[in-house]
């Protein structure tokens, strides 16, 4: 049975040079493209071997609906097996990929692959089709461009929540005070969710942003763009500042994971306009690859948005550009 309790980032563990032999008699590999729409929109190099598309660690990391903490990644040189274990202390085995096998395991369950896991140039390569299908993703092959497109079965852009939400294990992640209607009275705003009943340090989607301009009225609520994986408060990055010079704060947030290299972030900005908050996904709306982001003060007392922009995934020297936010929500570069 599939389990999404594994909250991991596939760092670049498989990108390390491990002592694997190149298999003798292995079919010639052709360069292909894996276009993944899982947790973003990226095109990654793959290897087409005997009619099967293979992904290395970086490719696979972008085709899974969850992330792995680096503490849960291990290599067994005797079994030639890469293991990914959760850090939530459930004592269970999670994902295992063994060199030469035509299957992988998830919580001990064997999932068959159409071809064996192989090694090339010191890296493990895994047939990506069955792994993606195991998590319910859709696949489309373009023979002309040698591109495999993977579309998620989960929609991460969560629509506003208009009905009543029941909280069994209610917790407040962040609280804010700002004068939304500019009447001189601070208004309430907060991020809330349910915590994990088995481990109160963890939470998962849905996460809501609530706000109100009258303490005697119920909160307005929108669902935030948070993936359905195990998270702690340390994974939720929040920054605030007046980015559009309207005397109200904007609230930036992102779900951040520990990544040793090739880091990517997907910040959102919550802006109050037309008597309601609007949630903007900056990386998606402006087609940006971001290594980091922040909201910093300016000399005039307002705030500016700092975006660490990369040219491509492997760019580890991003350029820092500063922006303000227009009243219509558009970014305006300083």
C-alpha atoms as a PDB file:
ATOM      1  CA  UNK A   1       0.000   0.000   0.000  1.00  0.00           C
ATOM      2  CA  UNK A   2       1.309   3.419  -0.925  1.00  0.00           C
ATOM      3  CA  UNK A   3       2.354   5.603   1.991  1.00  0.00           C
ATOM      4  CA  UNK A   4       2.814   9.375   1.846  1.00  0.00           C
ATOM      5  CA  UNK A   5       4.076   9.604   5.411  1.00  0.00           C
ATOM      6  CA  UNK A   6       7.599   9.734   4.026  1.00  0.00           C
ATOM      7  CA  UNK A   7       8.494  13.401   4.160  1.00  0.00           C
ATOM      8  CA  UNK A   8      11.768  13.573   2.274  1.00  0.00           C
ATOM      9  CA  UNK A   9      13.892  15.607  -0.163  1.00  0.00           C
ATOM     10  CA  UNK A  10      15.941  13.438  -2.407  1.00  0.00           C
ATOM     11  CA  UNK A  11      18.984  15.629  -1.933  1.00  0.00           C
ATOM     12  CA  UNK A  12      21.826  14.801  -4.222  1.00  0.00           C
ATOM     13  CA  UNK A  13      22.706  11.545  -2.510  1.00  0.00           C
ATOM     14  CA  UNK A  14      22.602   9.539  -5.695  1.00  0.00           C
ATOM     15  CA  UNK A  15      24.545  12.231  -7.444  1.00  0.00           C
ATOM     16  CA  UNK A  16      27.543  11.345  -5.296  1.00  0.00           C
ATOM     17  CA  UNK A  17      30.027   9.086  -7.047  1.00  0.00           C
ATOM     18  CA  UNK A  18      29.464   5.638  -5.583  1.00  0.00           C
ATOM     19  CA  UNK A  19      31.548   2.559  -6.323  1.00  0.00           C
ATOM     20  CA  UNK A  20      29.253   0.886  -8.844  1.00  0.00           C
ATOM     21  CA  UNK A  21      30.536  -1.138 -11.795  1.00  0.00           C
ATOM     22  CA  UNK A  22      29.077  -0.384 -15.203  1.00  0.00           C
ATOM     23  CA  UNK A  23      27.088  -3.420 -16.261  1.00  0.00           C
ATOM     24  CA  UNK A  24      28.675  -5.403 -19.064  1.00  0.00           C
ATOM     25  CA  UNK A  25      26.469  -5.867 -22.109  1.00  0.00           C
ATOM     26  CA  UNK A  26      24.255  -2.959 -21.133  1.00  0.00           C
ATOM     27  CA  UNK A  27      22.364  -1.494 -24.089  1.00  0.00           C
ATOM     28  CA  UNK A  28      23.518   1.845 -25.445  1.00  0.00           C
ATOM     29  CA  UNK A  29      21.963   4.822 -23.689  1.00  0.00           C
ATOM     30  CA  UNK A  30      20.392   7.710 -25.596  1.00  0.00           C
ATOM     31  CA  UNK A  31      19.804  11.113 -24.083  1.00  0.00           C
ATOM     32  CA  UNK A  32      16.167  11.897 -23.418  1.00  0.00           C
ATOM     33  CA  UNK A  33      14.145  14.465 -21.489  1.00  0.00           C
ATOM     34  CA  UNK A  34      11.952  13.987 -18.438  1.00  0.00           C
ATOM     35  CA  UNK A  35       9.464  16.859 -18.252  1.00  0.00           C
ATOM     36  CA  UNK A  36       8.005  16.717 -14.754  1.00  0.00           C
ATOM     37  CA  UNK A  37       5.109  18.776 -13.449  1.00  0.00           C
ATOM     38  CA  UNK A  38       5.476  17.347  -9.939  1.00  0.00           C
ATOM     39  CA  UNK A  39       6.097  20.144  -7.401  1.00  0.00           C
ATOM     40  CA  UNK A  40       6.889  22.619 -10.156  1.00  0.00           C
ATOM     41  CA  UNK A  41       7.592  22.562 -13.884  1.00  0.00           C
ATOM     42  CA  UNK A  42      11.031  21.241 -14.800  1.00  0.00           C
ATOM     43  CA  UNK A  43      12.793  19.469 -17.637  1.00  0.00           C
ATOM     44  CA  UNK A  44      15.541  17.055 -16.595  1.00  0.00           C
ATOM     45  CA  UNK A  45      17.926  14.859 -18.510  1.00  0.00           C
ATOM     46  CA  UNK A  46      17.103  11.156 -18.663  1.00  0.00           C
ATOM     47  CA  UNK A  47      18.577   8.074 -20.329  1.00  0.00           C
ATOM     48  CA  UNK A  48      16.609   6.024 -22.855  1.00  0.00           C
ATOM     49  CA  UNK A  49      17.868   2.435 -22.742  1.00  0.00           C
ATOM     50  CA  UNK A  50      16.214  -0.425 -24.643  1.00  0.00           C
ATOM     51  CA  UNK A  51      12.964   1.524 -24.856  1.00  0.00           C
ATOM     52  CA  UNK A  52      12.852   2.447 -21.149  1.00  0.00           C
ATOM     53  CA  UNK A  53      13.378   5.936 -19.717  1.00  0.00           C
ATOM     54  CA  UNK A  54      15.723   6.001 -16.729  1.00  0.00           C
ATOM     55  CA  UNK A  55      16.235   8.764 -14.186  1.00  0.00           C
ATOM     56  CA  UNK A  56      19.181   9.358 -11.909  1.00  0.00           C
ATOM     57  CA  UNK A  57      18.750  10.726  -8.393  1.00  0.00           C
ATOM     58  CA  UNK A  58      18.015  14.302  -9.465  1.00  0.00           C
ATOM     59  CA  UNK A  59      15.465  13.159 -12.018  1.00  0.00           C
ATOM     60  CA  UNK A  60      13.734  10.858  -9.572  1.00  0.00           C
ATOM     61  CA  UNK A  61      13.679  13.535  -6.865  1.00  0.00           C
ATOM     62  CA  UNK A  62      11.519  15.703  -9.102  1.00  0.00           C
ATOM     63  CA  UNK A  63       9.090  12.921 -10.000  1.00  0.00           C
ATOM     64  CA  UNK A  64       7.933  11.985  -6.503  1.00  0.00           C
ATOM     65  CA  UNK A  65       5.109  13.657  -4.562  1.00  0.00           C
ATOM     66  CA  UNK A  66       7.104  13.805  -1.312  1.00  0.00           C
ATOM     67  CA  UNK A  67      10.529  14.758   0.039  1.00  0.00           C
ATOM     68  CA  UNK A  68      13.180  12.886   2.178  1.00  0.00           C
ATOM     69  CA  UNK A  69      15.196  14.209   5.082  1.00  0.00           C
ATOM     70  CA  UNK A  70      18.909  13.615   4.527  1.00  0.00           C
ATOM     71  CA  UNK A  71      19.153  11.742   7.843  1.00  0.00           C
ATOM     72  CA  UNK A  72      16.946   9.038   6.368  1.00  0.00           C
ATOM     73  CA  UNK A  73      19.174   8.291   3.351  1.00  0.00           C
ATOM     74  CA  UNK A  74      21.618   5.390   3.591  1.00  0.00           C
ATOM     75  CA  UNK A  75      23.709   3.196   1.303  1.00  0.00           C
ATOM     76  CA  UNK A  76      24.404  -0.500   1.982  1.00  0.00           C
ATOM     77  CA  UNK A  77      27.525  -1.426  -0.016  1.00  0.00           C
ATOM     78  CA  UNK A  78      27.055  -5.159   0.621  1.00  0.00           C
ATOM     79  CA  UNK A  79      23.485  -5.256  -0.673  1.00  0.00           C
ATOM     80  CA  UNK A  80      24.102  -2.391  -3.135  1.00  0.00           C
ATOM     81  CA  UNK A  81      20.889  -0.811  -1.879  1.00  0.00           C
ATOM     82  CA  UNK A  82      19.901   2.810  -1.380  1.00  0.00           C
ATOM     83  CA  UNK A  83      17.338   3.155   1.420  1.00  0.00           C
ATOM     84  CA  UNK A  84      15.135   6.069   2.347  1.00  0.00           C
ATOM     85  CA  UNK A  85      13.735   5.923   5.870  1.00  0.00           C
ATOM     86  CA  UNK A  86      11.413   8.382   7.562  1.00  0.00           C
ATOM     87  CA  UNK A  87      12.649  10.516  10.444  1.00  0.00           C
ATOM     88  CA  UNK A  88       9.292  10.450  12.245  1.00  0.00           C
ATOM     89  CA  UNK A  89      10.270   7.415  14.307  1.00  0.00           C
ATOM     90  CA  UNK A  90       7.660   4.923  13.103  1.00  0.00           C
ATOM     91  CA  UNK A  91      10.270   2.145  12.921  1.00  0.00           C
ATOM     92  CA  UNK A  92       9.178   1.111   9.436  1.00  0.00           C
ATOM     93  CA  UNK A  93      11.190   0.548   6.289  1.00  0.00           C
ATOM     94  CA  UNK A  94      10.404   2.901   3.462  1.00  0.00           C
ATOM     95  CA  UNK A  95      11.738   3.135  -0.096  1.00  0.00           C
ATOM     96  CA  UNK A  96      14.548   0.773  -1.137  1.00  0.00           C
ATOM     97  CA  UNK A  97      16.223   0.543  -4.556  1.00  0.00           C
ATOM     98  CA  UNK A  98      18.679  -2.343  -5.076  1.00  0.00           C
ATOM     99  CA  UNK A  99      21.099  -2.430  -7.953  1.00  0.00           C
ATOM    100  CA  UNK A 100      20.298  -5.157 -10.489  1.00  0.00           C
ATOM    101  CA  UNK A 101      16.735  -5.790  -9.271  1.00  0.00           C
ATOM    102  CA  UNK A 102      13.647  -5.328 -11.430  1.00  0.00           C
ATOM    103  CA  UNK A 103      11.594  -4.059  -8.516  1.00  0.00           C
ATOM    104  CA  UNK A 104      11.743  -1.570  -5.633  1.00  0.00           C
ATOM    105  CA  UNK A 105      10.071  -1.791  -2.235  1.00  0.00           C
ATOM    106  CA  UNK A 106       7.911   0.620  -0.264  1.00  0.00           C
ATOM    107  CA  UNK A 107       7.298  -0.345   3.384  1.00  0.00           C
ATOM    108  CA  UNK A 108       8.380  -3.871   2.418  1.00  0.00           C
ATOM    109  CA  UNK A 109       5.893  -4.142  -0.441  1.00  0.00           C
ATOM    110  CA  UNK A 110       7.528  -5.184  -3.726  1.00  0.00           C
ATOM    111  CA  UNK A 111       6.652  -3.037  -6.763  1.00  0.00           C
ATOM    112  CA  UNK A 112       7.730  -4.503 -10.091  1.00  0.00           C
ATOM    113  CA  UNK A 113       9.690  -2.546 -12.693  1.00  0.00           C
ATOM    114  CA  UNK A 114       9.713  -3.182 -16.449  1.00  0.00           C
ATOM    115  CA  UNK A 115      13.522  -3.339 -16.392  1.00  0.00           C
ATOM    116  CA  UNK A 116      16.284  -3.617 -13.823  1.00  0.00           C
ATOM    117  CA  UNK A 117      17.882  -0.855 -11.774  1.00  0.00           C
ATOM    118  CA  UNK A 118      21.302  -0.210 -13.307  1.00  0.00           C
ATOM    119  CA  UNK A 119      24.472   1.789 -12.773  1.00  0.00           C
ATOM    120  CA  UNK A 120      26.280   4.060 -15.199  1.00  0.00           C
ATOM    121  CA  UNK A 121      29.239   6.322 -14.581  1.00  0.00           C
ATOM    122  CA  UNK A 122      29.054   5.774 -10.833  1.00  0.00           C
ATOM    123  CA  UNK A 123      25.331   6.556 -10.463  1.00  0.00           C
ATOM    124  CA  UNK A 124      22.221   4.445  -9.959  1.00  0.00           C
ATOM    125  CA  UNK A 125      19.606   4.787 -12.704  1.00  0.00           C
ATOM    126  CA  UNK A 126      16.002   3.754 -12.103  1.00  0.00           C
ATOM    127  CA  UNK A 127      13.238   3.073 -14.654  1.00  0.00           C
ATOM    128  CA  UNK A 128      10.990   6.029 -14.020  1.00  0.00           C
ATOM    129  CA  UNK A 129       7.731   4.881 -15.642  1.00  0.00           C
ATOM    130  CA  UNK A 130       6.616   2.367 -13.016  1.00  0.00           C
ATOM    131  CA  UNK A 131       7.727   4.574 -10.123  1.00  0.00           C
ATOM    132  CA  UNK A 132       5.644   7.472 -11.458  1.00  0.00           C
ATOM    133  CA  UNK A 133       2.648   5.221 -12.148  1.00  0.00           C
ATOM    134  CA  UNK A 134       2.889   3.761  -8.651  1.00  0.00           C
ATOM    135  CA  UNK A 135       2.080   7.212  -7.285  1.00  0.00           C
ATOM    136  CA  UNK A 136      -0.766   7.674  -9.742  1.00  0.00           C
ATOM    137  CA  UNK A 137       0.970  10.143 -12.050  1.00  0.00           C
ATOM    138  CA  UNK A 138       0.012  10.367 -15.733  1.00  0.00           C
ATOM    139  CA  UNK A 139       2.602   9.794 -18.467  1.00  0.00           C
ATOM    140  CA  UNK A 140       2.870  11.054 -22.039  1.00  0.00           C
ATOM    141  CA  UNK A 141       5.660  10.151 -24.484  1.00  0.00           C
ATOM    142  CA  UNK A 142       6.762  12.348 -27.403  1.00  0.00           C
ATOM    143  CA  UNK A 143       8.918  10.261 -29.725  1.00  0.00           C
ATOM    144  CA  UNK A 144      10.069  13.219 -31.815  1.00  0.00           C
ATOM    145  CA  UNK A 145      11.587  15.138 -28.921  1.00  0.00           C
ATOM    146  CA  UNK A 146      12.380  12.009 -26.858  1.00  0.00           C
ATOM    147  CA  UNK A 147      10.434  13.558 -23.967  1.00  0.00           C
ATOM    148  CA  UNK A 148       8.501  11.807 -21.214  1.00  0.00           C
ATOM    149  CA  UNK A 149       6.028  14.190 -19.523  1.00  0.00           C
ATOM    150  CA  UNK A 150       4.859  13.302 -16.013  1.00  0.00           C
ATOM    151  CA  UNK A 151       1.717  14.986 -14.673  1.00  0.00           C
ATOM    152  CA  UNK A 152       0.796  14.723 -10.966  1.00  0.00           C
ATOM    153  CA  UNK A 153      -2.364  13.188  -9.610  1.00  0.00           C
ATOM    154  CA  UNK A 154      -2.408  15.870  -6.878  1.00  0.00           C
ATOM    155  CA  UNK A 155      -3.337  19.490  -7.532  1.00  0.00           C
ATOM    156  CA  UNK A 156      -1.134  21.638  -5.314  1.00  0.00           C
ATOM    157  CA  UNK A 157      -2.813  24.961  -6.073  1.00  0.00           C
ATOM    158  CA  UNK A 158      -5.544  24.621  -3.452  1.00  0.00           C
ATOM    159  CA  UNK A 159      -8.687  26.728  -3.993  1.00  0.00           C
ATOM    160  CA  UNK A 160     -10.125  28.981  -1.283  1.00  0.00           C
ATOM    161  CA  UNK A 161     -12.081  27.176   1.423  1.00  0.00           C
ATOM    162  CA  UNK A 162     -15.581  28.588   1.692  1.00  0.00           C
ATOM    163  CA  UNK A 163     -17.324  26.019   3.893  1.00  0.00           C
ATOM    164  CA  UNK A 164     -16.885  25.232   7.557  1.00  0.00           C
ATOM    165  CA  UNK A 165     -13.676  23.379   8.412  1.00  0.00           C
ATOM    166  CA  UNK A 166     -13.563  20.914  11.305  1.00  0.00           C
ATOM    167  CA  UNK A 167     -10.320  20.791  13.302  1.00  0.00           C
ATOM    168  CA  UNK A 168      -9.786  17.685  15.431  1.00  0.00           C
ATOM    169  CA  UNK A 169      -6.299  18.694  16.585  1.00  0.00           C
ATOM    170  CA  UNK A 170      -6.270  22.443  16.036  1.00  0.00           C
ATOM    171  CA  UNK A 171      -2.949  24.287  16.152  1.00  0.00           C
ATOM    172  CA  UNK A 172      -1.849  27.815  15.223  1.00  0.00           C
ATOM    173  CA  UNK A 173       1.342  27.861  13.161  1.00  0.00           C
ATOM    174  CA  UNK A 174       1.796  31.654  12.890  1.00  0.00           C
ATOM    175  CA  UNK A 175      -0.091  34.734  14.097  1.00  0.00           C
ATOM    176  CA  UNK A 176      -0.027  38.260  12.610  1.00  0.00           C
ATOM    177  CA  UNK A 177      -1.410  41.687  13.504  1.00  0.00           C
ATOM    178  CA  UNK A 178      -2.024  44.301  10.828  1.00  0.00           C
ATOM    179  CA  UNK A 179      -4.582  47.023  10.215  1.00  0.00           C
ATOM    180  CA  UNK A 180      -6.338  45.574   7.166  1.00  0.00           C
ATOM    181  CA  UNK A 181      -9.139  48.141   6.822  1.00  0.00           C
ATOM    182  CA  UNK A 182      -6.938  51.058   7.961  1.00  0.00           C
ATOM    183  CA  UNK A 183      -9.246  52.050  10.823  1.00  0.00           C
ATOM    184  CA  UNK A 184      -6.460  52.326  13.382  1.00  0.00           C
ATOM    185  CA  UNK A 185      -7.269  48.958  14.980  1.00  0.00           C
ATOM    186  CA  UNK A 186      -5.013  45.926  14.577  1.00  0.00           C
ATOM    187  CA  UNK A 187      -6.783  43.003  12.917  1.00  0.00           C
ATOM    188  CA  UNK A 188      -6.194  39.288  13.438  1.00  0.00           C
ATOM    189  CA  UNK A 189      -4.606  36.945  10.921  1.00  0.00           C
ATOM    190  CA  UNK A 190      -3.140  33.477  11.423  1.00  0.00           C
ATOM    191  CA  UNK A 191      -2.042  30.229   9.772  1.00  0.00           C
ATOM    192  CA  UNK A 192      -3.769  27.168  11.221  1.00  0.00           C
ATOM    193  CA  UNK A 193      -3.903  23.421  10.673  1.00  0.00           C
ATOM    194  CA  UNK A 194      -4.378  20.055  12.377  1.00  0.00           C
ATOM    195  CA  UNK A 195      -1.379  18.525  14.064  1.00  0.00           C
ATOM    196  CA  UNK A 196      -0.595  14.817  13.766  1.00  0.00           C
ATOM    197  CA  UNK A 197      -2.334  13.020  16.642  1.00  0.00           C
ATOM    198  CA  UNK A 198       0.532  10.482  16.803  1.00  0.00           C
ATOM    199  CA  UNK A 199       3.247  13.152  16.846  1.00  0.00           C
ATOM    200  CA  UNK A 200       2.228  16.738  17.773  1.00  0.00           C
ATOM    201  CA  UNK A 201       5.451  18.099  16.250  1.00  0.00           C
ATOM    202  CA  UNK A 202       4.156  17.233  12.756  1.00  0.00           C
ATOM    203  CA  UNK A 203       1.375  18.557  10.567  1.00  0.00           C
ATOM    204  CA  UNK A 204       0.316  18.217   6.946  1.00  0.00           C
ATOM    205  CA  UNK A 205      -2.089  19.741   4.418  1.00  0.00           C
ATOM    206  CA  UNK A 206      -4.581  21.284   4.528  1.00  0.00           C
ATOM    207  CA  UNK A 207      -3.148  24.464   6.042  1.00  0.00           C
ATOM    208  CA  UNK A 208      -5.378  27.556   6.161  1.00  0.00           C
ATOM    209  CA  UNK A 209      -4.805  31.285   6.378  1.00  0.00           C
ATOM    210  CA  UNK A 210      -7.533  32.980   8.420  1.00  0.00           C
ATOM    211  CA  UNK A 211      -8.200  36.681   8.909  1.00  0.00           C
ATOM    212  CA  UNK A 212     -10.910  39.043  10.081  1.00  0.00           C
ATOM    213  CA  UNK A 213     -11.385  42.788  10.478  1.00  0.00           C
ATOM    214  CA  UNK A 214     -13.983  42.520  13.265  1.00  0.00           C
ATOM    215  CA  UNK A 215     -13.349  40.480  16.401  1.00  0.00           C
ATOM    216  CA  UNK A 216     -17.076  39.693  16.630  1.00  0.00           C
ATOM    217  CA  UNK A 217     -17.224  38.117  13.162  1.00  0.00           C
ATOM    218  CA  UNK A 218     -15.997  34.680  12.040  1.00  0.00           C
ATOM    219  CA  UNK A 219     -12.661  34.357  10.289  1.00  0.00           C
ATOM    220  CA  UNK A 220     -12.391  34.440   6.506  1.00  0.00           C
ATOM    221  CA  UNK A 221     -10.362  31.449   5.351  1.00  0.00           C
ATOM    222  CA  UNK A 222      -8.280  30.409   2.325  1.00  0.00           C
ATOM    223  CA  UNK A 223      -6.350  27.158   1.863  1.00  0.00           C
ATOM    224  CA  UNK A 224      -2.607  27.616   1.416  1.00  0.00           C
ATOM    225  CA  UNK A 225      -0.522  25.846  -1.218  1.00  0.00           C
ATOM    226  CA  UNK A 226       1.035  23.197   1.034  1.00  0.00           C
ATOM    227  CA  UNK A 227       1.854  19.672  -0.208  1.00  0.00           C
ATOM    228  CA  UNK A 228       0.258  16.687   1.565  1.00  0.00           C
ATOM    229  CA  UNK A 229       3.408  15.459   3.302  1.00  0.00           C
ATOM    230  CA  UNK A 230       4.663  15.393   6.886  1.00  0.00           C
ATOM    231  CA  UNK A 231       6.002  18.792   7.968  1.00  0.00           C
ATOM    232  CA  UNK A 232       7.211  20.568  11.089  1.00  0.00           C
ATOM    233  CA  UNK A 233       7.025  24.278  11.906  1.00  0.00           C
ATOM    234  CA  UNK A 234      10.679  24.541  10.890  1.00  0.00           C
ATOM    235  CA  UNK A 235       9.658  23.638   7.314  1.00  0.00           C
ATOM    236  CA  UNK A 236       7.319  26.653   7.143  1.00  0.00           C
ATOM    237  CA  UNK A 237       9.230  29.824   6.255  1.00  0.00           C
ATOM    238  CA  UNK A 238       7.267  33.050   6.829  1.00  0.00           C
ATOM    239  CA  UNK A 239       8.349  36.663   6.218  1.00  0.00           C
ATOM    240  CA  UNK A 240       6.313  39.875   6.440  1.00  0.00           C
ATOM    241  CA  UNK A 241       6.637  43.462   5.224  1.00  0.00           C
ATOM    242  CA  UNK A 242       4.794  46.235   3.401  1.00  0.00           C
ATOM    243  CA  UNK A 243       5.765  45.455  -0.188  1.00  0.00           C
ATOM    244  CA  UNK A 244       3.182  47.713  -1.899  1.00  0.00           C
ATOM    245  CA  UNK A 245       3.403  50.788   0.380  1.00  0.00           C
ATOM    246  CA  UNK A 246      -0.253  50.656   1.433  1.00  0.00           C
ATOM    247  CA  UNK A 247       0.421  50.560   5.212  1.00  0.00           C
ATOM    248  CA  UNK A 248      -0.556  46.872   5.392  1.00  0.00           C
ATOM    249  CA  UNK A 249       1.845  43.975   5.633  1.00  0.00           C
ATOM    250  CA  UNK A 250       2.193  41.369   2.921  1.00  0.00           C
ATOM    251  CA  UNK A 251       2.890  37.833   4.136  1.00  0.00           C
ATOM    252  CA  UNK A 252       5.337  35.624   2.312  1.00  0.00           C
ATOM    253  CA  UNK A 253       5.499  31.888   2.927  1.00  0.00           C
ATOM    254  CA  UNK A 254       7.118  28.793   1.508  1.00  0.00           C
ATOM    255  CA  UNK A 255       7.585  25.172   2.471  1.00  0.00           C
ATOM    256  CA  UNK A 256      11.352  24.702   2.801  1.00  0.00           C
ATOM    257  CA  UNK A 257      13.214  21.440   3.087  1.00  0.00           C
ATOM    258  CA  UNK A 258      16.843  20.714   4.016  1.00  0.00           C
ATOM    259  CA  UNK A 259      18.704  20.535   0.705  1.00  0.00           C
ATOM    260  CA  UNK A 260      22.485  20.389   0.558  1.00  0.00           C
ATOM    261  CA  UNK A 261      22.795  21.649  -3.023  1.00  0.00           C
ATOM    262  CA  UNK A 262      20.781  22.705  -6.061  1.00  0.00           C
ATOM    263  CA  UNK A 263      18.213  24.173  -3.675  1.00  0.00           C
ATOM    264  CA  UNK A 264      14.865  25.366  -5.038  1.00  0.00           C
ATOM    265  CA  UNK A 265      12.192  27.357  -3.230  1.00  0.00           C
ATOM    266  CA  UNK A 266       8.608  28.198  -4.189  1.00  0.00           C
ATOM    267  CA  UNK A 267       7.558  31.344  -2.287  1.00  0.00           C
ATOM    268  CA  UNK A 268       4.010  32.664  -2.142  1.00  0.00           C
ATOM    269  CA  UNK A 269       2.866  36.184  -1.286  1.00  0.00           C
ATOM    270  CA  UNK A 270      -0.412  36.866   0.511  1.00  0.00           C
ATOM    271  CA  UNK A 271      -1.581  40.377  -0.432  1.00  0.00           C
ATOM    272  CA  UNK A 272      -4.710  42.116   0.864  1.00  0.00           C
ATOM    273  CA  UNK A 273      -6.554  43.855  -1.955  1.00  0.00           C
ATOM    274  CA  UNK A 274     -10.221  44.463  -2.787  1.00  0.00           C
ATOM    275  CA  UNK A 275     -11.115  43.537   0.814  1.00  0.00           C
ATOM    276  CA  UNK A 276      -9.654  40.050   0.628  1.00  0.00           C
ATOM    277  CA  UNK A 277      -6.322  38.223   0.623  1.00  0.00           C
ATOM    278  CA  UNK A 278      -4.926  36.865  -2.649  1.00  0.00           C
ATOM    279  CA  UNK A 279      -2.301  34.096  -2.696  1.00  0.00           C
ATOM    280  CA  UNK A 280       0.302  34.437  -5.489  1.00  0.00           C
ATOM    281  CA  UNK A 281       2.775  31.665  -6.373  1.00  0.00           C
ATOM    282  CA  UNK A 282       5.769  33.724  -7.548  1.00  0.00           C
ATOM    283  CA  UNK A 283       7.875  30.914  -9.036  1.00  0.00           C
ATOM    284  CA  UNK A 284       4.940  29.620 -11.069  1.00  0.00           C
ATOM    285  CA  UNK A 285       3.430  32.941 -12.152  1.00  0.00           C
ATOM    286  CA  UNK A 286       6.762  34.446 -13.255  1.00  0.00           C
ATOM    287  CA  UNK A 287       8.438  31.192 -14.390  1.00  0.00           C
ATOM    288  CA  UNK A 288      11.326  31.612 -11.940  1.00  0.00           C
ATOM    289  CA  UNK A 289      13.905  29.171 -10.596  1.00  0.00           C
ATOM    290  CA  UNK A 290      14.618  30.410  -7.071  1.00  0.00           C
ATOM    291  CA  UNK A 291      17.327  29.267  -4.686  1.00  0.00           C
ATOM    292  CA  UNK A 292      16.003  31.454  -1.866  1.00  0.00           C
ATOM    293  CA  UNK A 293      13.879  34.482  -1.038  1.00  0.00           C
ATOM    294  CA  UNK A 294      13.382  37.037   1.717  1.00  0.00           C
ATOM    295  CA  UNK A 295      11.517  40.225   2.643  1.00  0.00           C
ATOM    296  CA  UNK A 296      13.844  42.972   3.861  1.00  0.00           C
ATOM    297  CA  UNK A 297      13.341  46.587   5.020  1.00  0.00           C
ATOM    298  CA  UNK A 298      14.209  49.568   2.823  1.00  0.00           C
ATOM    299  CA  UNK A 299      15.611  52.973   3.766  1.00  0.00           C
ATOM    300  CA  UNK A 300      12.112  54.485   3.392  1.00  0.00           C
ATOM    301  CA  UNK A 301      10.601  52.176   6.005  1.00  0.00           C
ATOM    302  CA  UNK A 302       8.740  49.992   3.539  1.00  0.00           C
ATOM    303  CA  UNK A 303       9.895  46.524   2.496  1.00  0.00           C
ATOM    304  CA  UNK A 304      11.275  44.833  -0.596  1.00  0.00           C
ATOM    305  CA  UNK A 305      11.213  41.286  -1.848  1.00  0.00           C
ATOM    306  CA  UNK A 306      14.615  39.663  -2.441  1.00  0.00           C
ATOM    307  CA  UNK A 307      14.602  36.817  -4.973  1.00  0.00           C
ATOM    308  CA  UNK A 308      17.681  34.627  -5.501  1.00  0.00           C
ATOM    309  CA  UNK A 309      17.199  33.787  -9.177  1.00  0.00           C
ATOM    310  CA  UNK A 310      18.891  30.866 -10.928  1.00  0.00           C
ATOM    311  CA  UNK A 311      19.409  30.355 -14.653  1.00  0.00           C
ATOM    312  CA  UNK A 312      18.958  26.582 -14.378  1.00  0.00           C
ATOM    313  CA  UNK A 313      18.617  23.843 -11.762  1.00  0.00           C
ATOM    314  CA  UNK A 314      22.368  23.334 -11.290  1.00  0.00           C
ATOM    315  CA  UNK A 315      23.123  27.065 -10.947  1.00  0.00           C
ATOM    316  CA  UNK A 316      24.585  27.376  -7.444  1.00  0.00           C
ATOM    317  CA  UNK A 317      25.408  31.093  -7.829  1.00  0.00           C
ATOM    318  CA  UNK A 318      22.023  32.814  -8.086  1.00  0.00           C
ATOM    319  CA  UNK A 319      21.659  36.516  -8.807  1.00  0.00           C
ATOM    320  CA  UNK A 320      19.818  38.535  -6.141  1.00  0.00           C
ATOM    321  CA  UNK A 321      17.154  40.879  -7.506  1.00  0.00           C
ATOM    322  CA  UNK A 322      14.910  43.150  -5.445  1.00  0.00           C
ATOM    323  CA  UNK A 323      11.231  43.842  -6.103  1.00  0.00           C
ATOM    324  CA  UNK A 324       8.289  45.806  -4.831  1.00  0.00           C
ATOM    325  CA  UNK A 325       4.676  44.736  -5.260  1.00  0.00           C
ATOM    326  CA  UNK A 326       2.181  46.787  -7.240  1.00  0.00           C
ATOM    327  CA  UNK A 327      -1.340  47.395  -5.955  1.00  0.00           C
ATOM    328  CA  UNK A 328      -2.496  44.924  -8.630  1.00  0.00           C
ATOM    329  CA  UNK A 329      -0.142  42.242  -7.333  1.00  0.00           C
ATOM    330  CA  UNK A 330       2.432  42.566 -10.118  1.00  0.00           C
ATOM    331  CA  UNK A 331       6.135  42.437  -9.253  1.00  0.00           C
ATOM    332  CA  UNK A 332       8.020  45.687  -9.945  1.00  0.00           C
ATOM    333  CA  UNK A 333      11.792  45.422 -10.006  1.00  0.00           C
ATOM    334  CA  UNK A 334      13.736  47.991  -8.022  1.00  0.00           C
END
